[in-house]
PDB file of N, CA and C in Angstrom:
ATOM      1  N   MET A   1      91.305 149.243 102.098  1.00  0.00           N
ATOM      2  CA  MET A   1      90.830 149.765 103.354  1.00  0.00           C
ATOM      3  C   MET A   1      90.880 148.657 104.384  1.00  0.00           C
ATOM      4  N   ASN A   2      91.451 148.933 105.514  1.00  0.00           N
ATOM      5  CA  ASN A   2      91.573 147.912 106.541  1.00  0.00           C
ATOM      6  C   ASN A   2      90.486 148.114 107.581  1.00  0.00           C
ATOM      7  N   GLU A   3      89.439 147.339 107.481  1.00  0.00           N
ATOM      8  CA  GLU A   3      88.296 147.453 108.379  1.00  0.00           C
ATOM      9  C   GLU A   3      88.616 146.968 109.779  1.00  0.00           C
ATOM     10  N   GLU A   4      89.618 146.132 109.906  1.00  0.00           N
ATOM     11  CA  GLU A   4      89.956 145.591 111.212  1.00  0.00           C
ATOM     12  C   GLU A   4      90.376 146.712 112.156  1.00  0.00           C
ATOM     13  N   ASN A   5      91.152 147.656 111.670  1.00  0.00           N
ATOM     14  CA  ASN A   5      91.591 148.772 112.497  1.00  0.00           C
ATOM     15  C   ASN A   5      90.428 149.675 112.862  1.00  0.00           C
ATOM     16  N   ASN A   6      89.525 149.931 111.923  1.00  0.00           N
ATOM     17  CA  ASN A   6      88.359 150.766 112.206  1.00  0.00           C
ATOM     18  C   ASN A   6      87.474 150.135 113.264  1.00  0.00           C
ATOM     19  N   ALA A   7      87.218 148.836 113.139  1.00  0.00           N
ATOM     20  CA  ALA A   7      86.340 148.161 114.089  1.00  0.00           C
ATOM     21  C   ALA A   7      86.990 148.102 115.461  1.00  0.00           C
ATOM     22  N   THR A   8      88.304 147.969 115.537  1.00  0.00           N
ATOM     23  CA  THR A   8      88.983 147.901 116.821  1.00  0.00           C
ATOM     24  C   THR A   8      88.863 149.235 117.553  1.00  0.00           C
ATOM     25  N   SER A   9      88.987 150.307 116.835  1.00  0.00           N
ATOM     26  CA  SER A   9      88.883 151.606 117.484  1.00  0.00           C
ATOM     27  C   SER A   9      87.460 151.894 117.946  1.00  0.00           C
ATOM     28  N   GLU A  10      86.469 151.267 117.334  1.00  0.00           N
ATOM     29  CA  GLU A  10      85.080 151.499 117.718  1.00  0.00           C
ATOM     30  C   GLU A  10      84.663 150.717 118.950  1.00  0.00           C
ATOM     31  N   GLY A  11      85.269 149.543 119.194  1.00  0.00           N
ATOM     32  CA  GLY A  11      84.758 148.813 120.332  1.00  0.00           C
ATOM     33  C   GLY A  11      85.442 147.505 120.615  1.00  0.00           C
ATOM     34  N   GLY A  12      86.556 147.220 120.019  1.00  0.00           N
ATOM     35  CA  GLY A  12      87.295 146.033 120.390  1.00  0.00           C
ATOM     36  C   GLY A  12      87.006 144.825 119.528  1.00  0.00           C
ATOM     37  N   THR A  13      87.491 143.689 120.013  1.00  0.00           N
ATOM     38  CA  THR A  13      87.435 142.441 119.258  1.00  0.00           C
ATOM     39  C   THR A  13      86.011 141.966 119.022  1.00  0.00           C
ATOM     40  N   SER A  14      85.125 142.125 119.997  1.00  0.00           N
ATOM     41  CA  SER A  14      83.753 141.655 119.804  1.00  0.00           C
ATOM     42  C   SER A  14      83.063 142.421 118.684  1.00  0.00           C
ATOM     43  N   THR A  15      83.391 143.699 118.516  1.00  0.00           N
ATOM     44  CA  THR A  15      82.820 144.488 117.422  1.00  0.00           C
ATOM     45  C   THR A  15      83.292 143.947 116.077  1.00  0.00           C
ATOM     46  N   ILE A  16      84.569 143.609 116.005  1.00  0.00           N
ATOM     47  CA  ILE A  16      85.108 143.048 114.764  1.00  0.00           C
ATOM     48  C   ILE A  16      84.374 141.761 114.420  1.00  0.00           C
ATOM     49  N   ASN A  17      84.252 140.880 115.377  1.00  0.00           N
ATOM     50  CA  ASN A  17      83.601 139.594 115.135  1.00  0.00           C
ATOM     51  C   ASN A  17      82.135 139.771 114.785  1.00  0.00           C
ATOM     52  N   ASN A  18      81.436 140.671 115.468  1.00  0.00           N
ATOM     53  CA  ASN A  18      80.027 140.914 115.160  1.00  0.00           C
ATOM     54  C   ASN A  18      79.863 141.461 113.750  1.00  0.00           C
ATOM     55  N   ASN A  19      80.721 142.398 113.374  1.00  0.00           N
ATOM     56  CA  ASN A  19      80.625 142.975 112.041  1.00  0.00           C
ATOM     57  C   ASN A  19      80.920 141.931 110.973  1.00  0.00           C
ATOM     58  N   ARG A  20      81.893 141.098 111.208  1.00  0.00           N
ATOM     59  CA  ARG A  20      82.210 140.047 110.240  1.00  0.00           C
ATOM     60  C   ARG A  20      81.063 139.052 110.131  1.00  0.00           C
ATOM     61  N   ALA A  21      80.464 138.698 111.246  1.00  0.00           N
ATOM     62  CA  ALA A  21      79.339 137.756 111.223  1.00  0.00           C
ATOM     63  C   ALA A  21      78.135 138.365 110.501  1.00  0.00           C
ATOM     64  N   LEU A  22      77.842 139.626 110.778  1.00  0.00           N
ATOM     65  CA  LEU A  22      76.724 140.294 110.104  1.00  0.00           C
ATOM     66  C   LEU A  22      77.005 140.445 108.614  1.00  0.00           C
ATOM     67  N   ALA A  23      78.247 140.744 108.275  1.00  0.00           N
ATOM     68  CA  ALA A  23      78.605 140.881 106.863  1.00  0.00           C
ATOM     69  C   ALA A  23      78.474 139.541 106.157  1.00  0.00           C
ATOM     70  N   ALA A  24      78.899 138.459 106.785  1.00  0.00           N
ATOM     71  CA  ALA A  24      78.788 137.130 106.181  1.00  0.00           C
ATOM     72  C   ALA A  24      77.322 136.726 106.044  1.00  0.00           C
ATOM     73  N   LEU A  25      76.498 137.103 107.004  1.00  0.00           N
ATOM     74  CA  LEU A  25      75.077 136.757 106.967  1.00  0.00           C
ATOM     75  C   LEU A  25      74.368 137.402 105.782  1.00  0.00           C
ATOM     76  N   ALA A  26      74.923 138.482 105.255  1.00  0.00           N
ATOM     77  CA  ALA A  26      74.319 139.184 104.120  1.00  0.00           C
ATOM     78  C   ALA A  26      74.296 138.333 102.855  1.00  0.00           C
ATOM     79  N   TYR A  27      75.067 137.263 102.819  1.00  0.00           N
ATOM     80  CA  TYR A  27      75.126 136.411 101.625  1.00  0.00           C
ATOM     81  C   TYR A  27      74.193 135.202 101.716  1.00  0.00           C
ATOM     82  N   PHE A  28      73.380 135.136 102.760  1.00  0.00           N
ATOM     83  CA  PHE A  28      72.477 134.016 102.933  1.00  0.00           C
ATOM     84  C   PHE A  28      71.045 134.394 102.553  1.00  0.00           C
ATOM     85  N   GLY A  29      70.882 134.939 101.361  1.00  0.00           N
ATOM     86  CA  GLY A  29      69.564 135.229 100.806  1.00  0.00           C
ATOM     87  C   GLY A  29      68.737 136.145 101.691  1.00  0.00           C
ATOM     88  N   PRO A  30      67.530 135.712 102.024  1.00  0.00           N
ATOM     89  CA  PRO A  30      66.625 136.561 102.805  1.00  0.00           C
ATOM     90  C   PRO A  30      67.142 136.900 104.204  1.00  0.00           C
ATOM     91  N   LEU A  31      68.134 136.173 104.694  1.00  0.00           N
ATOM     92  CA  LEU A  31      68.682 136.473 106.013  1.00  0.00           C
ATOM     93  C   LEU A  31      69.466 137.781 106.031  1.00  0.00           C
ATOM     94  N   LEU A  32      69.690 138.367 104.876  1.00  0.00           N
ATOM     95  CA  LEU A  32      70.366 139.656 104.850  1.00  0.00           C
ATOM     96  C   LEU A  32      69.552 140.725 105.558  1.00  0.00           C
ATOM     97  N   VAL A  33      68.266 140.487 105.757  1.00  0.00           N
ATOM     98  CA  VAL A  33      67.429 141.426 106.509  1.00  0.00           C
ATOM     99  C   VAL A  33      67.965 141.574 107.933  1.00  0.00           C
ATOM    100  N   VAL A  34      68.425 140.481 108.510  1.00  0.00           N
ATOM    101  CA  VAL A  34      68.989 140.521 109.864  1.00  0.00           C
ATOM    102  C   VAL A  34      70.230 141.409 109.877  1.00  0.00           C
ATOM    103  N   SER A  35      71.092 141.252 108.874  1.00  0.00           N
ATOM    104  CA  SER A  35      72.283 142.098 108.773  1.00  0.00           C
ATOM    105  C   SER A  35      71.892 143.559 108.592  1.00  0.00           C
ATOM    106  N   TYR A  36      70.854 143.795 107.823  1.00  0.00           N
ATOM    107  CA  TYR A  36      70.410 145.170 107.587  1.00  0.00           C
ATOM    108  C   TYR A  36      69.908 145.806 108.882  1.00  0.00           C
ATOM    109  N   ILE A  37      69.135 145.065 109.634  1.00  0.00           N
ATOM    110  CA  ILE A  37      68.558 145.605 110.871  1.00  0.00           C
ATOM    111  C   ILE A  37      69.640 145.841 111.925  1.00  0.00           C
ATOM    112  N   LEU A  38      70.542 144.883 112.092  1.00  0.00           N
ATOM    113  CA  LEU A  38      71.518 144.966 113.168  1.00  0.00           C
ATOM    114  C   LEU A  38      72.787 145.743 112.806  1.00  0.00           C
ATOM    115  N   GLY A  39      73.125 145.821 111.527  1.00  0.00           N
ATOM    116  CA  GLY A  39      74.388 146.452 111.161  1.00  0.00           C
ATOM    117  C   GLY A  39      74.275 147.558 110.153  1.00  0.00           C
ATOM    118  N   ASN A  40      73.117 148.159 110.027  1.00  0.00           N
ATOM    119  CA  ASN A  40      72.894 149.174 109.001  1.00  0.00           C
ATOM    120  C   ASN A  40      73.774 150.403 109.175  1.00  0.00           C
ATOM    121  N   ASN A  41      74.218 150.697 110.389  1.00  0.00           N
ATOM    122  CA  ASN A  41      75.027 151.899 110.606  1.00  0.00           C
ATOM    123  C   ASN A  41      76.517 151.655 110.391  1.00  0.00           C
ATOM    124  N   ASN A  42      76.909 150.436 110.019  1.00  0.00           N
ATOM    125  CA  ASN A  42      78.315 150.113 109.829  1.00  0.00           C
ATOM    126  C   ASN A  42      78.636 150.044 108.338  1.00  0.00           C
ATOM    127  N   PRO A  43      79.590 150.834 107.868  1.00  0.00           N
ATOM    128  CA  PRO A  43      79.920 150.841 106.434  1.00  0.00           C
ATOM    129  C   PRO A  43      80.421 149.489 105.919  1.00  0.00           C
ATOM    130  N   TYR A  44      81.136 148.753 106.756  1.00  0.00           N
ATOM    131  CA  TYR A  44      81.647 147.437 106.363  1.00  0.00           C
ATOM    132  C   TYR A  44      80.496 146.473 106.105  1.00  0.00           C
ATOM    133  N   VAL A  45      79.510 146.468 106.985  1.00  0.00           N
ATOM    134  CA  VAL A  45      78.337 145.595 106.814  1.00  0.00           C
ATOM    135  C   VAL A  45      77.525 146.060 105.611  1.00  0.00           C
ATOM    136  N   LYS A  46      77.395 147.358 105.425  1.00  0.00           N
ATOM    137  CA  LYS A  46      76.646 147.889 104.276  1.00  0.00           C
ATOM    138  C   LYS A  46      77.264 147.450 102.950  1.00  0.00           C
ATOM    139  N   PHE A  47      78.597 147.453 102.892  1.00  0.00           N
ATOM    140  CA  PHE A  47      79.281 147.013 101.678  1.00  0.00           C
ATOM    141  C   PHE A  47      78.856 145.587 101.337  1.00  0.00           C
ATOM    142  N   HIS A  48      78.886 144.704 102.310  1.00  0.00           N
ATOM    143  CA  HIS A  48      78.536 143.312 102.057  1.00  0.00           C
ATOM    144  C   HIS A  48      77.027 143.127 101.863  1.00  0.00           C
ATOM    145  N   LEU A  49      76.225 143.995 102.464  1.00  0.00           N
ATOM    146  CA  LEU A  49      74.784 143.961 102.203  1.00  0.00           C
ATOM    147  C   LEU A  49      74.499 144.242 100.731  1.00  0.00           C
ATOM    148  N   ARG A  50      75.176 145.216 100.173  1.00  0.00           N
ATOM    149  CA  ARG A  50      74.980 145.531  98.753  1.00  0.00           C
ATOM    150  C   ARG A  50      75.394 144.362  97.866  1.00  0.00           C
ATOM    151  N   GLN A  51      76.515 143.737  98.192  1.00  0.00           N
ATOM    152  CA  GLN A  51      76.975 142.581  97.426  1.00  0.00           C
ATOM    153  C   GLN A  51      75.960 141.435  97.537  1.00  0.00           C
ATOM    154  N   GLY A  52      75.448 141.219  98.738  1.00  0.00           N
ATOM    155  CA  GLY A  52      74.446 140.172  98.947  1.00  0.00           C
ATOM    156  C   GLY A  52      73.141 140.467  98.229  1.00  0.00           C
ATOM    157  N   LEU A  53      72.776 141.746  98.152  1.00  0.00           N
ATOM    158  CA  LEU A  53      71.557 142.122  97.427  1.00  0.00           C
ATOM    159  C   LEU A  53      71.656 141.800  95.947  1.00  0.00           C
ATOM    160  N   VAL A  54      72.827 141.960  95.377  1.00  0.00           N
ATOM    161  CA  VAL A  54      73.020 141.601  93.965  1.00  0.00           C
ATOM    162  C   VAL A  54      72.696 140.122  93.774  1.00  0.00           C
ATOM    163  N   LEU A  55      73.226 139.287  94.656  1.00  0.00           N
ATOM    164  CA  LEU A  55      72.969 137.849  94.548  1.00  0.00           C
ATOM    165  C   LEU A  55      71.493 137.520  94.792  1.00  0.00           C
ATOM    166  N   LEU A  56      70.867 138.226  95.729  1.00  0.00           N
ATOM    167  CA  LEU A  56      69.453 137.979  96.009  1.00  0.00           C
ATOM    168  C   LEU A  56      68.576 138.350  94.814  1.00  0.00           C
ATOM    169  N   VAL A  57      68.898 139.438  94.148  1.00  0.00           N
ATOM    170  CA  VAL A  57      68.135 139.844  92.953  1.00  0.00           C
ATOM    171  C   VAL A  57      68.287 138.798  91.853  1.00  0.00           C
ATOM    172  N   ILE A  58      69.491 138.280  91.683  1.00  0.00           N
ATOM    173  CA  ILE A  58      69.706 137.222  90.683  1.00  0.00           C
ATOM    174  C   ILE A  58      68.905 135.987  91.036  1.00  0.00           C
ATOM    175  N   GLU A  59      68.912 135.603  92.303  1.00  0.00           N
ATOM    176  CA  GLU A  59      68.133 134.435  92.742  1.00  0.00           C
ATOM    177  C   GLU A  59      66.634 134.648  92.512  1.00  0.00           C
ATOM    178  N   ALA A  60      66.145 135.851  92.793  1.00  0.00           N
ATOM    179  CA  ALA A  60      64.729 136.150  92.564  1.00  0.00           C
ATOM    180  C   ALA A  60      64.397 136.059  91.079  1.00  0.00           C
ATOM    181  N   GLY A  61      65.300 136.564  90.237  1.00  0.00           N
ATOM    182  CA  GLY A  61      65.097 136.466  88.788  1.00  0.00           C
ATOM    183  C   GLY A  61      65.085 135.025  88.319  1.00  0.00           C
ATOM    184  N   ILE A  62      65.973 134.216  88.860  1.00  0.00           N
ATOM    185  CA  ILE A  62      66.009 132.783  88.515  1.00  0.00           C
ATOM    186  C   ILE A  62      64.700 132.122  88.909  1.00  0.00           C
ATOM    187  N   TRP A  63      64.223 132.462  90.090  1.00  0.00           N
ATOM    188  CA  TRP A  63      62.963 131.879  90.562  1.00  0.00           C
ATOM    189  C   TRP A  63      61.811 132.264  89.635  1.00  0.00           C
ATOM    190  N   LEU A  64      61.742 133.547  89.270  1.00  0.00           N
ATOM    191  CA  LEU A  64      60.657 133.999  88.389  1.00  0.00           C
ATOM    192  C   LEU A  64      60.711 133.322  87.025  1.00  0.00           C
ATOM    193  N   VAL A  65      61.886 133.213  86.457  1.00  0.00           N
ATOM    194  CA  VAL A  65      62.025 132.542  85.163  1.00  0.00           C
ATOM    195  C   VAL A  65      61.610 131.083  85.288  1.00  0.00           C
ATOM    196  N   GLY A  66      62.005 130.434  86.369  1.00  0.00           N
ATOM    197  CA  GLY A  66      61.653 129.034  86.583  1.00  0.00           C
ATOM    198  C   GLY A  66      60.160 128.816  86.759  1.00  0.00           C
ATOM    199  N   VAL A  67      59.493 129.792  87.355  1.00  0.00           N
ATOM    200  CA  VAL A  67      58.044 129.677  87.555  1.00  0.00           C
ATOM    201  C   VAL A  67      57.296 129.778  86.233  1.00  0.00           C
ATOM    202  N   PHE A  68      57.748 130.649  85.347  1.00  0.00           N
ATOM    203  CA  PHE A  68      57.001 130.902  84.123  1.00  0.00           C
ATOM    204  C   PHE A  68      57.440 130.082  82.915  1.00  0.00           C
ATOM    205  N   LEU A  69      58.619 129.519  82.941  1.00  0.00           N
ATOM    206  CA  LEU A  69      59.086 128.710  81.820  1.00  0.00           C
ATOM    207  C   LEU A  69      59.298 127.270  82.280  1.00  0.00           C
ATOM    208  N   PHE A  70      58.619 126.337  81.632  1.00  0.00           N
ATOM    209  CA  PHE A  70      58.656 124.938  82.054  1.00  0.00           C
ATOM    210  C   PHE A  70      59.423 124.072  81.068  1.00  0.00           C
ATOM    211  N   SER A  71      60.641 124.413  80.795  1.00  0.00           N
ATOM    212  CA  SER A  71      61.443 123.660  79.850  1.00  0.00           C
ATOM    213  C   SER A  71      62.584 122.964  80.585  1.00  0.00           C
ATOM    214  N   PRO A  72      62.849 121.684  80.260  1.00  0.00           N
ATOM    215  CA  PRO A  72      63.984 121.001  80.904  1.00  0.00           C
ATOM    216  C   PRO A  72      65.319 121.704  80.627  1.00  0.00           C
ATOM    217  N   PHE A  73      65.461 122.261  79.424  1.00  0.00           N
ATOM    218  CA  PHE A  73      66.682 122.994  79.111  1.00  0.00           C
ATOM    219  C   PHE A  73      66.820 124.217  80.017  1.00  0.00           C
ATOM    220  N   ILE A  74      65.729 124.939  80.206  1.00  0.00           N
ATOM    221  CA  ILE A  74      65.746 126.137  81.057  1.00  0.00           C
ATOM    222  C   ILE A  74      66.082 125.746  82.486  1.00  0.00           C
ATOM    223  N   PHE A  75      65.496 124.645  82.985  1.00  0.00           N
ATOM    224  CA  PHE A  75      65.776 124.214  84.349  1.00  0.00           C
ATOM    225  C   PHE A  75      67.249 123.854  84.519  1.00  0.00           C
ATOM    226  N   GLY A  76      67.861 123.230  83.513  1.00  0.00           N
ATOM    227  CA  GLY A  76      69.280 122.925  83.574  1.00  0.00           C
ATOM    228  C   GLY A  76      70.137 124.179  83.605  1.00  0.00           C
ATOM    229  N   LEU A  77      69.786 125.131  82.749  1.00  0.00           N
ATOM    230  CA  LEU A  77      70.511 126.395  82.701  1.00  0.00           C
ATOM    231  C   LEU A  77      70.363 127.157  84.015  1.00  0.00           C
ATOM    232  N   LEU A  78      69.151 127.174  84.552  1.00  0.00           N
ATOM    233  CA  LEU A  78      68.923 127.862  85.823  1.00  0.00           C
ATOM    234  C   LEU A  78      69.676 127.177  86.960  1.00  0.00           C
ATOM    235  N   GLY A  79      69.799 125.864  86.887  1.00  0.00           N
ATOM    236  CA  GLY A  79      70.577 125.142  87.884  1.00  0.00           C
ATOM    237  C   GLY A  79      72.047 125.538  87.867  1.00  0.00           C
ATOM    238  N   LEU A  80      72.576 125.718  86.663  1.00  0.00           N
ATOM    239  CA  LEU A  80      73.965 126.167  86.544  1.00  0.00           C
ATOM    240  C   LEU A  80      74.143 127.585  87.088  1.00  0.00           C
ATOM    241  N   ILE A  81      73.166 128.428  86.818  1.00  0.00           N
ATOM    242  CA  ILE A  81      73.240 129.803  87.329  1.00  0.00           C
ATOM    243  C   ILE A  81      73.145 129.799  88.846  1.00  0.00           C
ATOM    244  N   ARG A  82      72.271 128.949  89.402  1.00  0.00           N
ATOM    245  CA  ARG A  82      72.179 128.836  90.865  1.00  0.00           C
ATOM    246  C   ARG A  82      73.494 128.379  91.477  1.00  0.00           C
ATOM    247  N   LEU A  83      74.146 127.440  90.815  1.00  0.00           N
ATOM    248  CA  LEU A  83      75.448 126.968  91.282  1.00  0.00           C
ATOM    249  C   LEU A  83      76.469 128.109  91.269  1.00  0.00           C
ATOM    250  N   ALA A  84      76.459 128.905  90.210  1.00  0.00           N
ATOM    251  CA  ALA A  84      77.370 130.042  90.129  1.00  0.00           C
ATOM    252  C   ALA A  84      77.080 131.054  91.235  1.00  0.00           C
ATOM    253  N   VAL A  85      75.806 131.312  91.509  1.00  0.00           N
ATOM    254  CA  VAL A  85      75.434 132.240  92.580  1.00  0.00           C
ATOM    255  C   VAL A  85      75.919 131.707  93.920  1.00  0.00           C
ATOM    256  N   ALA A  86      75.814 130.392  94.131  1.00  0.00           N
ATOM    257  CA  ALA A  86      76.306 129.799  95.372  1.00  0.00           C
ATOM    258  C   ALA A  86      77.816 129.979  95.504  1.00  0.00           C
ATOM    259  N   VAL A  87      78.542 129.819  94.405  1.00  0.00           N
ATOM    260  CA  VAL A  87      79.994 130.020  94.432  1.00  0.00           C
ATOM    261  C   VAL A  87      80.321 131.478  94.760  1.00  0.00           C
ATOM    262  N   PHE A  88      79.594 132.418  94.155  1.00  0.00           N
ATOM    263  CA  PHE A  88      79.815 133.831  94.456  1.00  0.00           C
ATOM    264  C   PHE A  88      79.484 134.137  95.918  1.00  0.00           C
ATOM    265  N   ALA A  89      78.443 133.511  96.449  1.00  0.00           N
ATOM    266  CA  ALA A  89      78.089 133.708  97.854  1.00  0.00           C
ATOM    267  C   ALA A  89      79.210 133.202  98.763  1.00  0.00           C
ATOM    268  N   ILE A  90      79.788 132.067  98.418  1.00  0.00           N
ATOM    269  CA  ILE A  90      80.898 131.535  99.216  1.00  0.00           C
ATOM    270  C   ILE A  90      82.095 132.476  99.167  1.00  0.00           C
ATOM    271  N   ILE A  91      82.376 133.025  97.994  1.00  0.00           N
ATOM    272  CA  ILE A  91      83.472 133.999  97.869  1.00  0.00           C
ATOM    273  C   ILE A  91      83.189 135.215  98.755  1.00  0.00           C
ATOM    274  N   GLY A  92      81.951 135.691  98.725  1.00  0.00           N
ATOM    275  CA  GLY A  92      81.577 136.838  99.561  1.00  0.00           C
ATOM    276  C   GLY A  92      81.677 136.538 101.043  1.00  0.00           C
ATOM    277  N   ILE A  93      81.265 135.352 101.442  1.00  0.00           N
ATOM    278  CA  ILE A  93      81.347 134.967 102.852  1.00  0.00           C
ATOM    279  C   ILE A  93      82.806 134.911 103.297  1.00  0.00           C
ATOM    280  N   ILE A  94      83.661 134.336 102.460  1.00  0.00           N
ATOM    281  CA  ILE A  94      85.088 134.262 102.793  1.00  0.00           C
ATOM    282  C   ILE A  94      85.669 135.665 102.937  1.00  0.00           C
ATOM    283  N   ASN A  95      85.334 136.552 102.018  1.00  0.00           N
ATOM    284  CA  ASN A  95      85.819 137.932 102.112  1.00  0.00           C
ATOM    285  C   ASN A  95      85.318 138.608 103.381  1.00  0.00           C
ATOM    286  N   ALA A  96      84.050 138.394 103.721  1.00  0.00           N
ATOM    287  CA  ALA A  96      83.468 139.030 104.903  1.00  0.00           C
ATOM    288  C   ALA A  96      84.128 138.520 106.180  1.00  0.00           C
ATOM    289  N   VAL A  97      84.344 137.229 106.260  1.00  0.00           N
ATOM    290  CA  VAL A  97      84.940 136.641 107.457  1.00  0.00           C
ATOM    291  C   VAL A  97      86.399 137.075 107.610  1.00  0.00           C
ATOM    292  N   GLN A  98      87.078 137.278 106.490  1.00  0.00           N
ATOM    293  CA  GLN A  98      88.474 137.712 106.534  1.00  0.00           C
ATOM    294  C   GLN A  98      88.617 139.223 106.731  1.00  0.00           C
ATOM    295  N   GLY A  99      87.513 139.938 106.765  1.00  0.00           N
ATOM    296  CA  GLY A  99      87.558 141.379 106.992  1.00  0.00           C
ATOM    297  C   GLY A  99      87.880 142.192 105.754  1.00  0.00           C
ATOM    298  N   LYS A 100      87.616 141.670 104.582  1.00  0.00           N
ATOM    299  CA  LYS A 100      87.941 142.353 103.329  1.00  0.00           C
ATOM    300  C   LYS A 100      86.701 142.983 102.705  1.00  0.00           C
ATOM    301  N   GLU A 101      86.870 144.169 102.150  1.00  0.00           N
ATOM    302  CA  GLU A 101      85.836 144.797 101.343  1.00  0.00           C
ATOM    303  C   GLU A 101      86.221 144.625  99.885  1.00  0.00           C
ATOM    304  N   LYS A 102      86.024 143.444  99.388  1.00  0.00           N
ATOM    305  CA  LYS A 102      86.418 143.111  98.030  1.00  0.00           C
ATOM    306  C   LYS A 102      85.161 142.776  97.230  1.00  0.00           C
ATOM    307  N   GLU A 103      85.015 143.421  96.065  1.00  0.00           N
ATOM    308  CA  GLU A 103      83.839 143.165  95.224  1.00  0.00           C
ATOM    309  C   GLU A 103      83.857 141.739  94.695  1.00  0.00           C
ATOM    310  N   LEU A 104      82.651 141.210  94.498  1.00  0.00           N
ATOM    311  CA  LEU A 104      82.528 139.897  93.878  1.00  0.00           C
ATOM    312  C   LEU A 104      82.944 139.996  92.411  1.00  0.00           C
ATOM    313  N   PRO A 105      83.594 138.968  91.895  1.00  0.00           N
ATOM    314  CA  PRO A 105      83.989 139.010  90.478  1.00  0.00           C
ATOM    315  C   PRO A 105      82.758 139.163  89.571  1.00  0.00           C
ATOM    316  N   TRP A 106      82.854 140.009  88.596  1.00  0.00           N
ATOM    317  CA  TRP A 106      81.839 140.272  87.564  1.00  0.00           C
ATOM    318  C   TRP A 106      80.535 140.850  88.101  1.00  0.00           C
ATOM    319  N   LEU A 107      80.109 140.499  89.289  1.00  0.00           N
ATOM    320  CA  LEU A 107      78.809 140.933  89.794  1.00  0.00           C
ATOM    321  C   LEU A 107      78.901 142.095  90.775  1.00  0.00           C
ATOM    322  N   GLY A 108      80.020 142.227  91.439  1.00  0.00           N
ATOM    323  CA  GLY A 108      80.167 143.234  92.481  1.00  0.00           C
ATOM    324  C   GLY A 108      79.979 144.657  92.004  1.00  0.00           C
ATOM    325  N   GLN A 109      80.248 144.911  90.740  1.00  0.00           N
ATOM    326  CA  GLN A 109      80.111 146.263  90.199  1.00  0.00           C
ATOM    327  C   GLN A 109      78.667 146.753  90.222  1.00  0.00           C
ATOM    328  N   PHE A 110      77.700 145.836  90.274  1.00  0.00           N
ATOM    329  CA  PHE A 110      76.293 146.230  90.284  1.00  0.00           C
ATOM    330  C   PHE A 110      75.799 146.622  91.666  1.00  0.00           C
ATOM    331  N   ALA A 111      76.603 146.395  92.688  1.00  0.00           N
ATOM    332  CA  ALA A 111      76.216 146.728  94.056  1.00  0.00           C
ATOM    333  C   ALA A 111      76.070 148.236  94.246  1.00  0.00           C
ATOM    334  N   LYS A 112      76.753 149.025  93.426  1.00  0.00           N
ATOM    335  CA  LYS A 112      76.690 150.479  93.572  1.00  0.00           C
ATOM    336  C   LYS A 112      75.283 151.031  93.298  1.00  0.00           C
ATOM    337  N   TYR A 113      74.447 150.240  92.665  1.00  0.00           N
ATOM    338  CA  TYR A 113      73.090 150.694  92.354  1.00  0.00           C
ATOM    339  C   TYR A 113      72.133 150.565  93.541  1.00  0.00           C
ATOM    340  N   PHE A 114      72.589 149.916  94.608  1.00  0.00           N
ATOM    341  CA  PHE A 114      71.769 149.770  95.806  1.00  0.00           C
ATOM    342  C   PHE A 114      72.225 150.788  96.833  1.00  0.00           C
ATOM    343  N   THR A 115      71.294 151.630  97.271  1.00  0.00           N
ATOM    344  CA  THR A 115      71.601 152.586  98.321  1.00  0.00           C
ATOM    345  C   THR A 115      70.933 152.119  99.607  1.00  0.00           C
ATOM    346  N   LEU A 116      71.698 152.095 100.651  1.00  0.00           N
ATOM    347  CA  LEU A 116      71.172 151.648 101.948  1.00  0.00           C
ATOM    348  C   LEU A 116      71.239 152.751 102.959  1.00  0.00           C
TER     349      LEU A 116
END
């Protein structure tokens, strides 16, 4: 699906740039609320909001595990998972900025469980 053509027909270049910026913002943890408020009516932004929510849920789970388990091994493992989440966020940001609706590897399939 080519979102660039859809956004151009809706309002020009500034709409494309705004949608891409809002979609990219969805991968910055709690800042996805801003994308939700400002771009909730745009399907392109919603797609990236769902992808960002998957990463946010994983981050919240990592935080909860870290709070309740005080093991150096667990902290190392959680650090690796955080690094992986950061890599997935970068992939999502790149896709959003390039105007692509591409699922994140391995994790993107879980975005369908979030309805916005």
